[in-house]
Amino acid sequence: MVVNIIIVAITLLMGVFVSVWLVSPRGRTWIEVPKHQPTRWDA
């Protein structure tokens, strides 16, 4: 039961992101821009 709720919630969240990406060109830049820089490991 809990797993089903989690799966439905994630599916709805991804559906919202995909629909914003398709409908709003301004939302595409926010979704596609990297949110952070990867850390640089010193060798």
N, C-alpha and C. Protein backbone atom coordinates (compact mmCIF):
# COMPACT_ATOMS: atom_id res chain seq x y z
N MET A 1 0.83 -1.20 0.00
CA MET A 1 0.00 0.00 0.00
C MET A 1 0.87 1.26 0.00
N VAL A 2 1.86 1.29 0.89
CA VAL A 2 2.74 2.46 0.96
C VAL A 2 3.56 2.59 -0.32
N VAL A 3 4.00 1.45 -0.86
CA VAL A 3 4.79 1.46 -2.09
C VAL A 3 3.96 2.02 -3.24
N ASN A 4 2.70 1.64 -3.30
CA ASN A 4 1.82 2.14 -4.35
C ASN A 4 1.65 3.66 -4.25
N ILE A 5 1.52 4.18 -3.05
CA ILE A 5 1.39 5.63 -2.85
C ILE A 5 2.65 6.35 -3.30
N ILE A 6 3.81 5.78 -2.98
CA ILE A 6 5.08 6.39 -3.38
C ILE A 6 5.20 6.39 -4.90
N ILE A 7 4.85 5.28 -5.54
CA ILE A 7 4.94 5.18 -7.00
C ILE A 7 3.99 6.18 -7.66
N VAL A 8 2.78 6.30 -7.16
CA VAL A 8 1.83 7.26 -7.72
C VAL A 8 2.33 8.69 -7.53
N ALA A 9 2.88 9.00 -6.36
CA ALA A 9 3.38 10.35 -6.10
C ALA A 9 4.54 10.70 -7.03
N ILE A 10 5.47 9.78 -7.23
CA ILE A 10 6.61 10.04 -8.11
C ILE A 10 6.14 10.18 -9.55
N THR A 11 5.17 9.33 -9.96
CA THR A 11 4.64 9.42 -11.31
C THR A 11 3.97 10.77 -11.55
N LEU A 12 3.19 11.24 -10.58
CA LEU A 12 2.54 12.54 -10.72
C LEU A 12 3.57 13.67 -10.77
N LEU A 13 4.60 13.59 -9.93
CA LEU A 13 5.65 14.61 -9.92
C LEU A 13 6.36 14.66 -11.27
N MET A 14 6.72 13.50 -11.81
CA MET A 14 7.38 13.48 -13.11
C MET A 14 6.44 13.96 -14.21
N GLY A 15 5.16 13.66 -14.10
CA GLY A 15 4.19 14.14 -15.07
C GLY A 15 4.09 15.66 -15.07
N VAL A 16 4.15 16.24 -13.88
CA VAL A 16 4.11 17.71 -13.77
C VAL A 16 5.36 18.31 -14.42
N PHE A 17 6.53 17.73 -14.15
CA PHE A 17 7.76 18.26 -14.75
C PHE A 17 7.72 18.15 -16.27
N VAL A 18 7.25 17.01 -16.78
CA VAL A 18 7.19 16.83 -18.24
C VAL A 18 6.18 17.79 -18.86
N SER A 19 5.03 17.98 -18.23
CA SER A 19 4.05 18.90 -18.80
C SER A 19 4.52 20.34 -18.74
N VAL A 20 5.22 20.74 -17.68
CA VAL A 20 5.79 22.10 -17.64
C VAL A 20 6.84 22.25 -18.72
N TRP A 21 7.64 21.19 -18.94
CA TRP A 21 8.68 21.25 -19.97
C TRP A 21 8.06 21.39 -21.35
N LEU A 22 6.94 20.71 -21.59
CA LEU A 22 6.29 20.77 -22.90
C LEU A 22 5.53 22.08 -23.12
N VAL A 23 4.89 22.59 -22.07
CA VAL A 23 3.99 23.74 -22.23
C VAL A 23 4.73 25.06 -22.13
N SER A 24 5.65 25.18 -21.19
CA SER A 24 6.27 26.47 -20.91
C SER A 24 7.74 26.49 -21.34
N PRO A 25 8.07 27.27 -22.35
CA PRO A 25 9.48 27.37 -22.76
C PRO A 25 10.37 27.98 -21.67
N ARG A 26 9.81 28.88 -20.85
CA ARG A 26 10.61 29.46 -19.77
C ARG A 26 10.94 28.42 -18.71
N GLY A 27 10.04 27.47 -18.49
CA GLY A 27 10.29 26.42 -17.51
C GLY A 27 11.36 25.45 -17.96
N ARG A 28 11.56 25.34 -19.29
CA ARG A 28 12.58 24.41 -19.80
C ARG A 28 13.97 24.81 -19.34
N THR A 29 14.26 26.10 -19.36
CA THR A 29 15.61 26.52 -18.96
C THR A 29 15.86 26.18 -17.50
N TRP A 30 14.86 26.35 -16.64
CA TRP A 30 15.04 26.05 -15.23
C TRP A 30 15.26 24.55 -15.01
N ILE A 31 14.55 23.73 -15.77
CA ILE A 31 14.67 22.28 -15.62
C ILE A 31 16.01 21.79 -16.18
N GLU A 32 16.45 22.35 -17.30
CA GLU A 32 17.63 21.82 -17.98
C GLU A 32 18.95 22.36 -17.45
N VAL A 33 18.94 23.47 -16.73
CA VAL A 33 20.18 24.04 -16.21
C VAL A 33 20.71 23.17 -15.06
N PRO A 34 22.01 22.88 -15.05
CA PRO A 34 22.56 22.12 -13.92
C PRO A 34 22.38 22.88 -12.61
N LYS A 35 22.00 22.17 -11.56
CA LYS A 35 21.72 22.83 -10.29
C LYS A 35 22.97 22.99 -9.42
N HIS A 36 24.00 22.24 -9.72
CA HIS A 36 25.23 22.34 -8.91
C HIS A 36 26.41 21.93 -9.76
N GLN A 37 27.58 22.32 -9.31
CA GLN A 37 28.82 21.90 -9.96
C GLN A 37 29.33 20.65 -9.27
N PRO A 38 29.80 19.68 -10.04
CA PRO A 38 30.37 18.49 -9.40
C PRO A 38 31.62 18.85 -8.62
N THR A 39 31.83 18.15 -7.54
CA THR A 39 33.03 18.44 -6.74
C THR A 39 34.26 17.95 -7.46
N ARG A 40 35.34 18.66 -7.24
CA ARG A 40 36.60 18.31 -7.89
C ARG A 40 37.48 17.59 -6.87
N TRP A 41 37.82 16.37 -7.19
CA TRP A 41 38.64 15.57 -6.28
C TRP A 41 40.11 15.87 -6.56
N ASP A 42 40.86 16.16 -5.50
CA ASP A 42 42.30 16.40 -5.65
C ASP A 42 43.01 15.06 -5.70
N ALA A 43 43.86 14.89 -6.70
CA ALA A 43 44.57 13.61 -6.86
C ALA A 43 45.92 13.65 -6.16
